[in-house]
Amino acid sequence: MVLSRFWLVIFISAIVFVVFSLFSGDSYTIDHVLNGKKDDPILISEKFAEELPAYIKDSIKTAPERTMIINRDTLNADTTYVFKNKTVKIYSGVQKSDGLLPTCKSTLLDLVLPLMAYLAFFCGLMELLIISGASGKLAKALSPVFVKVFPSIPKNHPSISYMTLNFAANFLGLDSAATPFGLKAMESLQEINPDKDKASDAQIMFMCLHASGLTLIATSIIGYRAAANASNPADVMLPCIITSFIGTIAAFLIVGIKQRINFKSASLVIVLMVLIAAIVGLLMYVNHLDLIGKNYFTSNLSALILIGIIAFTLIFSFIHEKKFTEASTTVFESFVVGANNGVKTGVTIFPYVLGMLVAISLFRNSGLFEIISNWIAFIFSNMGVSKEITDALPVALLRPFSSAGSRGFLIDSMNTFGADSLTARLASIFQCSAESTFYVIAVYFGSVNIKNTRYALGTMLIVDVICVITAIFVATWFF
């Protein structure tokens, strides 16, 4: 219900703002909102050639039709004039994201189809883990801890192994693997959900922990910083871990208090201490490496672990091939069955993803998001917050809506202010320390047809705010 209302609010408010801007004269055309593509120039006016300044008229007197002339006025360096049929179209600025119709196309081709491929492969592997008995053994080993965090889940339930794999993939920055494992976990949790239309306590806890984004190896962020010629691309690694860890703890406490979980459990305390020790130990190891060593370690650790998971699954299935025979199937046929289920899951979530991303596209291109972000930056600046911090806020504001959009702002901040600036480093931490909340809600709850997400969305947004505040303090402390 909350997600539905929020979706309607951003959709309708964006449409109203677009129409108002057109008729008030603030916008010359709204075609870019529907048909424009990311980084395309935006048409702001069309004039007869005679109406233009003299130095521009001189440039186009001898120009053939469709000639593009870049304005040499340093005050409007991004303005472009295109001569056609005695008129000149004037473009200024670039579009921040694809318009509504290109978003429909790119959602299918660039997002859902690759996601379906990932789902097919990893769901095929998970089918092998199920039939071979590996998932059952993992669930049995971790049940003492998971039943404390998820009291409504029966002991040794298959969802425990799926959630473990999802958390591990997120922890190592393996997004392509984390999503299939997470969707399988939601499907398994839905089987024991007494109200199929309403999110269960276990599903809410899982989603909030997943969305808090605890990440140890921020591979993609390090890659972006390396491409931007940062002096030490991995120097944001520790701040990212601290921020995402605090976000995860906050999510666990908020949901745990709501669900009345026993925080004094000895097994929970032990697991938390082991997790902290593991993080500190790994950080100490990485910290003593030189720049090349850090880049080599961070770029290979996640890949090696993923390959290890795949190899373990195949070898374990081969060793326990008898179980496949007892189930009247083979290892490969089981993989195909699982992959087919993954494709079906991809088809199921497509409408949910499409609806959310189209609304976000319209919201961004309407100009309403930019106005809101400018207001927030203005408020923060009047509170005495430095400009270096407010310049990074667009990444934090857009991150819950769109990972690709916030990534664009991140790259722009590195290009504008320098990869080693506080702004770029803070933007990197924002990007790394949280998930795309609305995308995650749409995909995960949509995959099991949950209509009432209860307090999941509100909790995830609160955690996003906590991560933003933490990131600001951590970044100013480190840099």
Protein backbone atom coordinates (compact mmCIF):
# COMPACT_ATOMS: atom_id res chain seq x y z
CA MET A 1 0.00 0.00 0.00
CA VAL A 2 2.76 2.46 0.93
CA LEU A 3 4.77 1.62 -2.19
CA SER A 4 1.70 2.01 -4.39
CA ARG A 5 0.90 5.43 -2.96
CA PHE A 6 4.49 6.59 -3.26
CA TRP A 7 4.59 5.40 -6.88
CA LEU A 8 1.41 7.36 -7.64
CA VAL A 9 2.74 10.47 -5.90
CA ILE A 10 6.02 10.67 -7.83
CA PHE A 11 4.29 9.78 -11.12
CA ILE A 12 1.43 12.29 -10.80
CA SER A 13 3.58 15.07 -9.32
CA ALA A 14 6.08 14.68 -12.18
CA ILE A 15 3.31 14.87 -14.80
CA VAL A 16 1.74 17.95 -13.15
CA PHE A 17 5.14 19.66 -12.95
CA VAL A 18 5.94 18.87 -16.62
CA VAL A 19 2.62 20.31 -17.83
CA PHE A 20 2.96 23.36 -15.57
CA SER A 21 6.51 24.02 -16.83
CA LEU A 22 5.34 23.87 -20.44
CA PHE A 23 2.44 26.29 -20.08
CA SER A 24 4.29 28.64 -17.74
CA GLY A 25 7.10 29.00 -20.28
CA ASP A 26 9.81 27.40 -18.16
CA SER A 27 10.12 24.59 -20.72
CA TYR A 28 10.00 24.99 -24.50
CA THR A 29 9.10 21.37 -25.19
CA ILE A 30 8.35 18.24 -23.21
CA ASP A 31 9.34 15.83 -25.96
CA HIS A 32 12.60 15.00 -24.20
CA VAL A 33 10.62 13.76 -21.19
CA LEU A 34 8.99 11.13 -23.39
CA ASN A 35 11.50 10.39 -26.16
CA GLY A 36 14.86 11.83 -25.10
CA LYS A 37 17.91 9.74 -24.33
CA LYS A 38 20.52 10.15 -21.65
CA ASP A 39 23.18 12.81 -22.47
CA ASP A 40 21.16 14.17 -25.41
CA PRO A 41 21.10 18.00 -25.64
CA ILE A 42 17.84 19.60 -24.50
CA LEU A 43 15.91 21.90 -26.87
CA ILE A 44 15.21 25.19 -25.07
CA SER A 45 14.10 27.46 -27.94
CA GLU A 46 13.69 27.91 -31.70
CA LYS A 47 14.18 31.27 -33.40
CA PHE A 48 14.42 32.75 -36.87
CA ALA A 49 18.04 33.25 -37.86
CA GLU A 50 17.53 37.03 -38.09
CA GLU A 51 16.62 37.21 -34.40
CA LEU A 52 19.97 35.87 -33.21
CA PRO A 53 22.96 37.95 -32.08
CA ALA A 54 25.15 39.30 -34.86
CA TYR A 55 28.15 37.05 -34.19
CA ILE A 56 25.95 33.96 -34.45
CA LYS A 57 24.17 35.21 -37.59
CA ASP A 58 27.55 35.72 -39.21
CA SER A 59 28.42 32.09 -38.48
CA ILE A 60 25.28 30.68 -40.08
CA LYS A 61 24.96 32.93 -43.14
CA THR A 62 27.00 30.54 -45.23
CA ALA A 63 26.19 27.41 -43.26
CA PRO A 64 24.23 24.63 -44.99
CA GLU A 65 21.04 23.36 -43.40
CA ARG A 66 21.33 21.07 -40.37
CA THR A 67 24.73 22.60 -39.50
CA MET A 68 25.54 22.61 -35.80
CA ILE A 69 27.29 25.68 -34.41
CA ILE A 70 28.70 25.73 -30.90
CA ASN A 71 28.20 29.05 -29.12
CA ARG A 72 31.49 30.77 -28.49
CA ASP A 73 30.05 32.86 -25.65
CA THR A 74 31.93 31.68 -22.58
CA LEU A 75 28.89 32.45 -20.44
CA ASN A 76 26.88 29.82 -22.32
CA ALA A 77 29.55 27.35 -23.30
CA ASP A 78 27.12 24.42 -23.35
CA THR A 79 24.70 26.08 -25.81
CA THR A 80 24.40 24.64 -29.31
CA TYR A 81 22.65 26.17 -32.35
CA VAL A 82 21.34 23.99 -35.18
CA PHE A 83 20.38 25.77 -38.42
CA LYS A 84 17.44 24.35 -40.41
CA ASN A 85 14.94 25.96 -42.84
CA LYS A 86 15.79 29.56 -41.92
CA THR A 87 15.30 28.82 -38.25
CA VAL A 88 17.78 27.93 -35.57
CA LYS A 89 17.08 25.43 -32.84
CA ILE A 90 18.85 26.24 -29.59
CA TYR A 91 19.97 23.44 -27.28
CA SER A 92 21.41 23.84 -23.80
CA GLY A 93 22.33 21.30 -21.15
CA VAL A 94 22.03 17.54 -21.41
CA GLN A 95 19.39 15.08 -20.35
CA LYS A 96 20.13 13.34 -17.06
CA SER A 97 18.43 10.03 -17.93
CA ASP A 98 16.44 8.30 -20.66
CA GLY A 99 12.92 9.51 -21.32
CA LEU A 100 9.81 7.49 -20.57
CA LEU A 101 9.66 5.49 -23.81
CA PRO A 102 13.43 4.75 -24.08
CA THR A 103 13.29 3.67 -20.42
CA CYS A 104 10.63 1.09 -21.34
CA LYS A 105 12.96 -0.30 -24.00
CA SER A 106 16.16 -0.17 -21.95
CA THR A 107 14.46 -1.76 -18.94
CA LEU A 108 13.83 -4.86 -21.02
CA LEU A 109 17.01 -4.95 -23.08
CA ASP A 110 19.61 -3.58 -20.66
CA LEU A 111 18.23 -4.66 -17.29
CA VAL A 112 15.63 -7.42 -17.33
CA LEU A 113 17.16 -9.63 -20.06
CA PRO A 114 20.64 -9.64 -18.41
CA LEU A 115 18.94 -10.19 -15.04
CA MET A 116 17.01 -13.14 -16.49
CA ALA A 117 20.30 -14.60 -17.74
CA TYR A 118 21.84 -14.27 -14.27
CA LEU A 119 18.70 -15.73 -12.72
CA ALA A 120 18.74 -18.67 -15.11
CA PHE A 121 22.37 -19.54 -14.34
CA PHE A 122 22.31 -19.13 -10.57
CA CYS A 123 18.86 -20.69 -10.14
CA GLY A 124 20.24 -23.66 -12.08
CA LEU A 125 23.09 -23.89 -9.57
CA MET A 126 20.67 -23.56 -6.66
CA GLU A 127 18.64 -26.47 -7.99
CA LEU A 128 21.81 -28.54 -7.85
CA LEU A 129 22.44 -27.40 -4.25
CA ILE A 130 18.91 -28.47 -3.31
CA ILE A 131 18.91 -31.93 -4.88
CA SER A 132 22.49 -32.72 -3.85
CA GLY A 133 21.63 -31.87 -0.25
CA ALA A 134 24.21 -29.10 0.13
CA SER A 135 21.61 -26.41 0.87
CA GLY A 136 20.07 -28.60 3.57
CA LYS A 137 23.41 -29.10 5.31
CA LEU A 138 24.15 -25.36 5.16
CA ALA A 139 20.72 -24.56 6.60
CA LYS A 140 21.23 -27.09 9.39
CA ALA A 141 24.61 -25.61 10.28
CA LEU A 142 23.31 -22.03 10.42
CA SER A 143 19.91 -22.70 11.98
CA PRO A 144 20.98 -21.90 15.59
CA VAL A 145 21.76 -18.32 14.54
CA PHE A 146 19.03 -17.74 11.96
CA VAL A 147 16.19 -18.90 14.20
CA LYS A 148 17.19 -16.10 16.60
CA VAL A 149 17.07 -13.45 13.88
CA PHE A 150 14.09 -15.00 12.07
CA PRO A 151 11.99 -16.62 14.85
CA SER A 152 9.14 -17.47 12.46
CA ILE A 153 11.35 -19.64 10.23
CA PRO A 154 11.34 -23.36 11.08
CA LYS A 155 14.66 -24.93 12.01
CA ASN A 156 16.71 -26.17 9.00
CA HIS A 157 14.39 -24.41 6.52
CA PRO A 158 15.83 -24.10 2.95
CA SER A 159 15.44 -20.29 3.02
CA ILE A 160 18.32 -20.13 5.50
CA SER A 161 20.84 -21.37 2.92
CA TYR A 162 19.48 -19.00 0.24
CA MET A 163 19.67 -16.00 2.56
CA THR A 164 23.21 -16.98 3.55
CA LEU A 165 24.30 -17.06 -0.09
CA ASN A 166 22.59 -13.72 -0.72
CA PHE A 167 24.30 -12.05 2.25
CA ALA A 168 27.66 -13.54 1.23
CA ALA A 169 27.29 -12.32 -2.36
CA ASN A 170 26.35 -8.82 -1.19
CA PHE A 171 29.21 -8.86 1.29
CA LEU A 172 31.66 -9.52 -1.55
CA GLY A 173 30.09 -7.09 -4.04
CA LEU A 174 28.73 -9.86 -6.29
CA ASP A 175 25.48 -8.14 -7.31
CA SER A 176 24.80 -10.48 -10.23
CA ALA A 177 24.83 -13.46 -7.87
CA ALA A 178 23.13 -11.76 -4.91
CA THR A 179 19.86 -11.06 -6.74
CA PRO A 180 19.11 -14.69 -7.80
CA PHE A 181 19.94 -15.97 -4.31
CA GLY A 182 17.76 -13.26 -2.75
CA LEU A 183 14.80 -13.97 -5.03
CA LYS A 184 15.06 -17.66 -4.23
CA ALA A 185 15.08 -16.77 -0.52
CA MET A 186 11.93 -14.65 -0.93
CA GLU A 187 10.23 -17.49 -2.81
CA SER A 188 11.14 -19.94 -0.05
CA LEU A 189 9.95 -17.54 2.67
CA GLN A 190 6.68 -17.03 0.80
CA GLU A 191 5.96 -20.75 1.10
CA ILE A 192 5.68 -20.40 4.89
CA ASN A 193 3.96 -17.00 4.80
CA PRO A 194 0.42 -17.42 6.20
CA ASP A 195 -0.88 -14.29 4.41
CA LYS A 196 0.33 -14.46 0.78
CA ASP A 197 -0.59 -10.82 0.02
CA LYS A 198 1.17 -9.36 3.06
CA ALA A 199 4.91 -9.37 3.79
CA SER A 200 5.83 -11.66 6.68
CA ASP A 201 8.14 -10.66 9.53
CA ALA A 202 10.89 -12.87 8.11
CA GLN A 203 10.59 -11.31 4.64
CA ILE A 204 10.75 -7.79 6.10
CA MET A 205 13.82 -8.61 8.18
CA PHE A 206 15.52 -10.21 5.20
CA MET A 207 14.73 -7.30 2.88
CA CYS A 208 15.93 -4.66 5.35
CA LEU A 209 19.20 -6.52 6.03
CA HIS A 210 19.69 -7.04 2.30
CA ALA A 211 18.97 -3.40 1.45
CA SER A 212 21.32 -2.09 4.15
CA GLY A 213 24.06 -3.13 1.73
CA LEU A 214 26.84 -4.47 3.98
CA THR A 215 29.77 -4.67 1.56
CA LEU A 216 33.35 -5.70 2.21
CA ILE A 217 34.83 -5.51 -1.29
CA ALA A 218 33.52 -2.43 -3.11
CA THR A 219 34.84 -3.64 -6.46
CA SER A 220 32.78 -1.37 -8.71
CA ILE A 221 33.52 1.78 -6.67
CA ILE A 222 37.25 1.04 -6.72
CA GLY A 223 37.02 0.54 -10.48
CA TYR A 224 35.29 3.90 -11.03
CA ARG A 225 37.88 5.68 -8.90
CA ALA A 226 40.75 3.96 -10.71
CA ALA A 227 39.29 5.05 -14.05
CA ALA A 228 39.13 8.62 -12.71
CA ASN A 229 42.86 8.48 -11.86
CA ALA A 230 42.46 8.54 -8.09
CA SER A 231 45.80 8.47 -6.25
CA ASN A 232 44.56 5.52 -4.18
CA PRO A 233 41.33 4.04 -5.60
CA ALA A 234 40.85 1.78 -2.58
CA ASP A 235 41.10 4.51 0.08
CA VAL A 236 37.28 4.63 0.44
CA MET A 237 37.12 0.93 1.22
CA LEU A 238 37.23 1.26 5.02
CA PRO A 239 34.74 4.18 5.16
CA CYS A 240 32.37 2.16 2.94
CA ILE A 241 32.60 -0.84 5.25
CA ILE A 242 32.03 1.25 8.39
CA THR A 243 29.04 3.06 6.88
CA SER A 244 27.36 -0.04 5.49
CA PHE A 245 28.03 -1.97 8.72
CA ILE A 246 26.34 0.75 10.81
CA GLY A 247 23.44 0.72 8.34
CA THR A 248 23.10 -3.05 8.72
CA ILE A 249 23.17 -2.84 12.52
CA ALA A 250 20.57 -0.04 12.39
CA ALA A 251 18.30 -2.12 10.15
CA PHE A 252 18.63 -5.12 12.45
CA LEU A 253 17.86 -3.06 15.58
CA ILE A 254 14.89 -1.19 14.08
CA VAL A 255 13.24 -4.32 12.69
CA GLY A 256 14.29 -6.38 15.71
CA ILE A 257 12.64 -3.98 18.14
CA LYS A 258 9.49 -3.98 16.01
CA GLN A 259 9.47 -7.80 15.94
CA ARG A 260 10.56 -8.13 19.60
CA ILE A 261 13.67 -10.18 18.89
CA ASN A 262 15.82 -11.28 21.83
CA PHE A 263 19.06 -9.31 21.40
CA LYS A 264 20.65 -10.98 24.44
CA SER A 265 20.98 -14.33 22.69
CA ALA A 266 24.51 -15.72 23.11
CA SER A 267 24.62 -17.05 19.53
CA LEU A 268 23.77 -13.61 18.11
CA VAL A 269 26.48 -11.94 20.18
CA ILE A 270 29.06 -14.54 19.11
CA VAL A 271 28.20 -14.20 15.43
CA LEU A 272 28.39 -10.42 15.67
CA MET A 273 31.79 -10.57 17.35
CA VAL A 274 33.09 -13.05 14.75
CA LEU A 275 31.84 -10.82 11.95
CA ILE A 276 33.52 -7.74 13.42
CA ALA A 277 36.76 -9.69 13.96
CA ALA A 278 36.71 -10.96 10.38
CA ILE A 279 36.21 -7.45 9.00
CA VAL A 280 38.95 -5.96 11.18
CA GLY A 281 41.34 -8.78 10.29
CA LEU A 282 40.77 -8.42 6.58
CA LEU A 283 41.15 -4.64 6.79
CA MET A 284 44.43 -5.00 8.66
CA TYR A 285 45.69 -7.35 5.97
CA VAL A 286 44.61 -5.06 3.11
CA ASN A 287 46.02 -2.00 4.89
CA HIS A 288 49.58 -3.35 4.87
CA LEU A 289 49.50 -3.92 1.08
CA ASP A 290 50.87 -1.37 -1.36
CA LEU A 291 48.66 0.23 -4.04
CA ILE A 292 49.22 -2.51 -6.62
CA GLY A 293 48.67 -5.19 -4.00
CA LYS A 294 45.38 -3.62 -2.89
CA ASN A 295 44.12 -3.38 -6.46
CA TYR A 296 45.14 -6.98 -7.15
CA PHE A 297 43.54 -8.28 -3.95
CA THR A 298 40.24 -6.42 -4.27
CA SER A 299 39.83 -7.28 -7.95
CA ASN A 300 40.45 -11.01 -7.47
CA LEU A 301 39.00 -11.97 -4.08
CA SER A 302 35.33 -11.70 -5.05
CA ALA A 303 35.89 -13.41 -8.40
CA LEU A 304 37.77 -16.29 -6.78
CA ILE A 305 35.04 -16.83 -4.18
CA LEU A 306 32.34 -16.83 -6.86
CA ILE A 307 34.30 -19.36 -8.92
CA GLY A 308 34.78 -21.36 -5.73
CA ILE A 309 31.01 -21.45 -5.10
CA ILE A 310 30.37 -22.64 -8.65
CA ALA A 311 33.11 -25.27 -8.45
CA PHE A 312 31.90 -26.51 -5.06
CA THR A 313 28.33 -26.83 -6.35
CA LEU A 314 29.36 -28.86 -9.39
CA ILE A 315 31.84 -31.08 -7.54
CA PHE A 316 29.41 -31.71 -4.65
CA SER A 317 26.69 -32.58 -7.18
CA PHE A 318 29.04 -34.98 -8.96
CA ILE A 319 29.99 -36.70 -5.70
CA HIS A 320 26.31 -37.06 -4.73
CA GLU A 321 25.11 -37.98 -8.21
CA LYS A 322 23.21 -40.88 -6.69
CA LYS A 323 20.68 -38.44 -5.23
CA PHE A 324 19.94 -37.14 -8.73
CA THR A 325 19.41 -40.69 -9.94
CA GLU A 326 17.01 -41.32 -7.05
CA ALA A 327 15.09 -38.22 -8.13
CA SER A 328 14.87 -39.66 -11.69
CA THR A 329 17.00 -36.90 -13.19
CA THR A 330 20.61 -35.96 -13.96
CA VAL A 331 22.83 -33.12 -12.85
CA PHE A 332 22.48 -31.28 -16.15
CA GLU A 333 18.70 -31.80 -16.39
CA SER A 334 18.35 -30.45 -12.84
CA PHE A 335 20.38 -27.39 -13.81
CA VAL A 336 18.07 -26.82 -16.79
CA VAL A 337 14.97 -27.11 -14.60
CA GLY A 338 16.38 -24.56 -12.16
CA ALA A 339 17.40 -22.24 -15.00
CA ASN A 340 13.90 -22.43 -16.44
CA ASN A 341 12.47 -21.43 -13.07
CA GLY A 342 14.87 -18.49 -13.04
CA VAL A 343 13.59 -17.29 -16.40
CA LYS A 344 9.99 -17.52 -15.14
CA THR A 345 10.96 -15.41 -12.12
CA GLY A 346 12.48 -12.80 -14.45
CA VAL A 347 9.24 -12.63 -16.45
CA THR A 348 7.26 -12.21 -13.22
CA ILE A 349 9.29 -9.27 -11.90
CA PHE A 350 9.52 -7.42 -15.26
CA PRO A 351 6.25 -5.42 -14.87
CA TYR A 352 7.21 -4.35 -11.32
CA VAL A 353 10.64 -3.14 -12.43
CA LEU A 354 9.21 -1.41 -15.50
CA GLY A 355 6.57 0.47 -13.53
CA MET A 356 9.08 1.71 -10.94
CA LEU A 357 11.83 2.74 -13.38
CA VAL A 358 9.43 4.58 -15.72
CA ALA A 359 8.09 6.60 -12.79
CA ILE A 360 11.63 7.44 -11.65
CA SER A 361 12.61 8.45 -15.21
CA LEU A 362 9.67 10.84 -15.46
CA PHE A 363 10.40 12.22 -12.00
CA ARG A 364 14.04 12.95 -12.88
CA ASN A 365 13.44 14.42 -16.34
CA SER A 366 10.59 16.61 -15.17
CA GLY A 367 13.11 18.74 -13.27
CA LEU A 368 11.29 18.16 -9.99
CA PHE A 369 14.06 16.00 -8.54
CA GLU A 370 16.65 18.66 -9.32
CA ILE A 371 14.57 21.35 -7.62
CA ILE A 372 14.10 19.20 -4.50
CA SER A 373 17.81 18.33 -4.35
CA ASN A 374 18.72 22.02 -4.74
CA TRP A 375 16.36 22.93 -1.90
CA ILE A 376 17.89 20.31 0.35
CA ALA A 377 21.41 21.45 -0.55
CA PHE A 378 20.37 25.05 0.17
CA ILE A 379 18.98 24.09 3.59
CA PHE A 380 22.15 22.15 4.45
CA SER A 381 24.38 25.03 3.34
CA ASN A 382 22.44 27.46 5.54
CA MET A 383 22.97 25.08 8.43
CA GLY A 384 26.71 25.53 7.97
CA VAL A 385 27.38 22.32 6.05
CA SER A 386 30.34 22.77 3.70
CA LYS A 387 29.83 22.99 -0.05
CA GLU A 388 32.00 19.89 -0.55
CA ILE A 389 29.35 17.88 1.27
CA THR A 390 26.29 19.47 -0.36
CA ASP A 391 27.82 18.87 -3.82
CA ALA A 392 27.76 15.12 -3.10
CA LEU A 393 24.14 15.04 -1.86
CA PRO A 394 22.55 14.36 -5.30
CA VAL A 395 24.15 10.89 -5.19
CA ALA A 396 22.61 10.21 -1.77
CA LEU A 397 19.20 11.54 -2.84
CA LEU A 398 19.06 9.53 -6.05
CA ARG A 399 20.57 6.29 -4.71
CA PRO A 400 17.29 4.93 -3.28
CA PHE A 401 15.62 5.47 -6.65
CA SER A 402 18.20 4.48 -9.25
CA SER A 403 21.63 2.92 -9.02
CA ALA A 404 22.47 3.92 -12.59
CA GLY A 405 21.35 7.50 -12.00
CA SER A 406 23.34 7.93 -8.81
CA ARG A 407 26.32 6.30 -10.51
CA GLY A 408 26.11 9.01 -13.19
CA PHE A 409 26.24 11.71 -10.51
CA LEU A 410 29.17 9.89 -8.86
CA ILE A 411 31.20 9.84 -12.07
CA ASP A 412 30.28 13.47 -12.75
CA SER A 413 31.46 14.48 -9.26
CA MET A 414 34.82 12.79 -9.87
CA ASN A 415 35.18 14.50 -13.25
CA THR A 416 34.13 17.90 -11.88
CA PHE A 417 35.84 18.05 -8.49
CA GLY A 418 38.57 15.43 -8.90
CA ALA A 419 38.60 11.81 -7.75
CA ASP A 420 40.58 12.71 -4.60
CA SER A 421 38.26 15.51 -3.49
CA LEU A 422 36.07 15.14 -0.41
CA THR A 423 33.01 15.49 -2.65
CA ALA A 424 33.99 12.56 -4.88
CA ARG A 425 35.04 10.38 -1.96
CA LEU A 426 31.80 11.12 -0.08
CA ALA A 427 29.79 10.39 -3.23
CA SER A 428 31.62 7.05 -3.52
CA ILE A 429 30.64 6.15 0.05
CA PHE A 430 27.01 7.15 -0.63
CA GLN A 431 26.96 4.92 -3.70
CA CYS A 432 28.48 1.94 -1.90
CA SER A 433 26.71 2.03 1.45
CA ALA A 434 23.09 1.55 0.40
CA GLU A 435 20.84 -0.23 -2.09
CA SER A 436 18.38 1.09 -4.65
CA THR A 437 15.50 0.87 -2.20
CA PHE A 438 12.56 1.24 -4.57
CA TYR A 439 14.06 -1.07 -7.17
CA VAL A 440 14.70 -3.71 -4.50
CA ILE A 441 11.17 -3.38 -3.13
CA ALA A 442 9.68 -3.72 -6.61
CA VAL A 443 11.84 -6.70 -7.62
CA TYR A 444 11.82 -8.78 -4.44
CA PHE A 445 8.25 -8.28 -3.27
CA GLY A 446 7.01 -8.30 -6.87
CA SER A 447 8.62 -11.70 -7.49
CA VAL A 448 6.27 -13.28 -4.92
CA ASN A 449 3.27 -10.98 -5.59
CA ILE A 450 3.35 -9.27 -2.19
CA LYS A 451 0.91 -6.35 -2.26
CA ASN A 452 1.26 -5.06 1.31
CA THR A 453 4.91 -4.44 2.26
CA ARG A 454 3.88 -3.22 5.74
CA TYR A 455 6.71 -1.24 7.38
CA ALA A 456 9.48 -2.51 5.08
CA LEU A 457 9.71 0.60 2.88
CA GLY A 458 9.66 3.04 5.80
CA THR A 459 12.38 1.10 7.62
CA MET A 460 14.58 0.91 4.53
CA LEU A 461 14.28 4.66 3.97
CA ILE A 462 15.17 5.36 7.61
CA VAL A 463 18.25 3.15 7.20
CA ASP A 464 19.14 5.09 4.02
CA VAL A 465 19.05 8.34 6.02
CA ILE A 466 21.21 6.79 8.76
CA CYS A 467 23.73 5.69 6.12
CA VAL A 468 23.84 9.20 4.63
CA ILE A 469 24.46 10.83 8.02
CA THR A 470 27.07 8.19 8.91
CA ALA A 471 28.80 8.59 5.55
CA ILE A 472 29.14 12.35 6.08
CA PHE A 473 30.71 11.91 9.52
CA VAL A 474 32.98 9.07 8.37
CA ALA A 475 34.13 10.91 5.23
CA THR A 476 34.97 14.12 7.12
CA TRP A 477 36.78 12.06 9.75
CA PHE A 478 38.90 10.14 7.23
CA PHE A 479 39.48 12.77 4.54
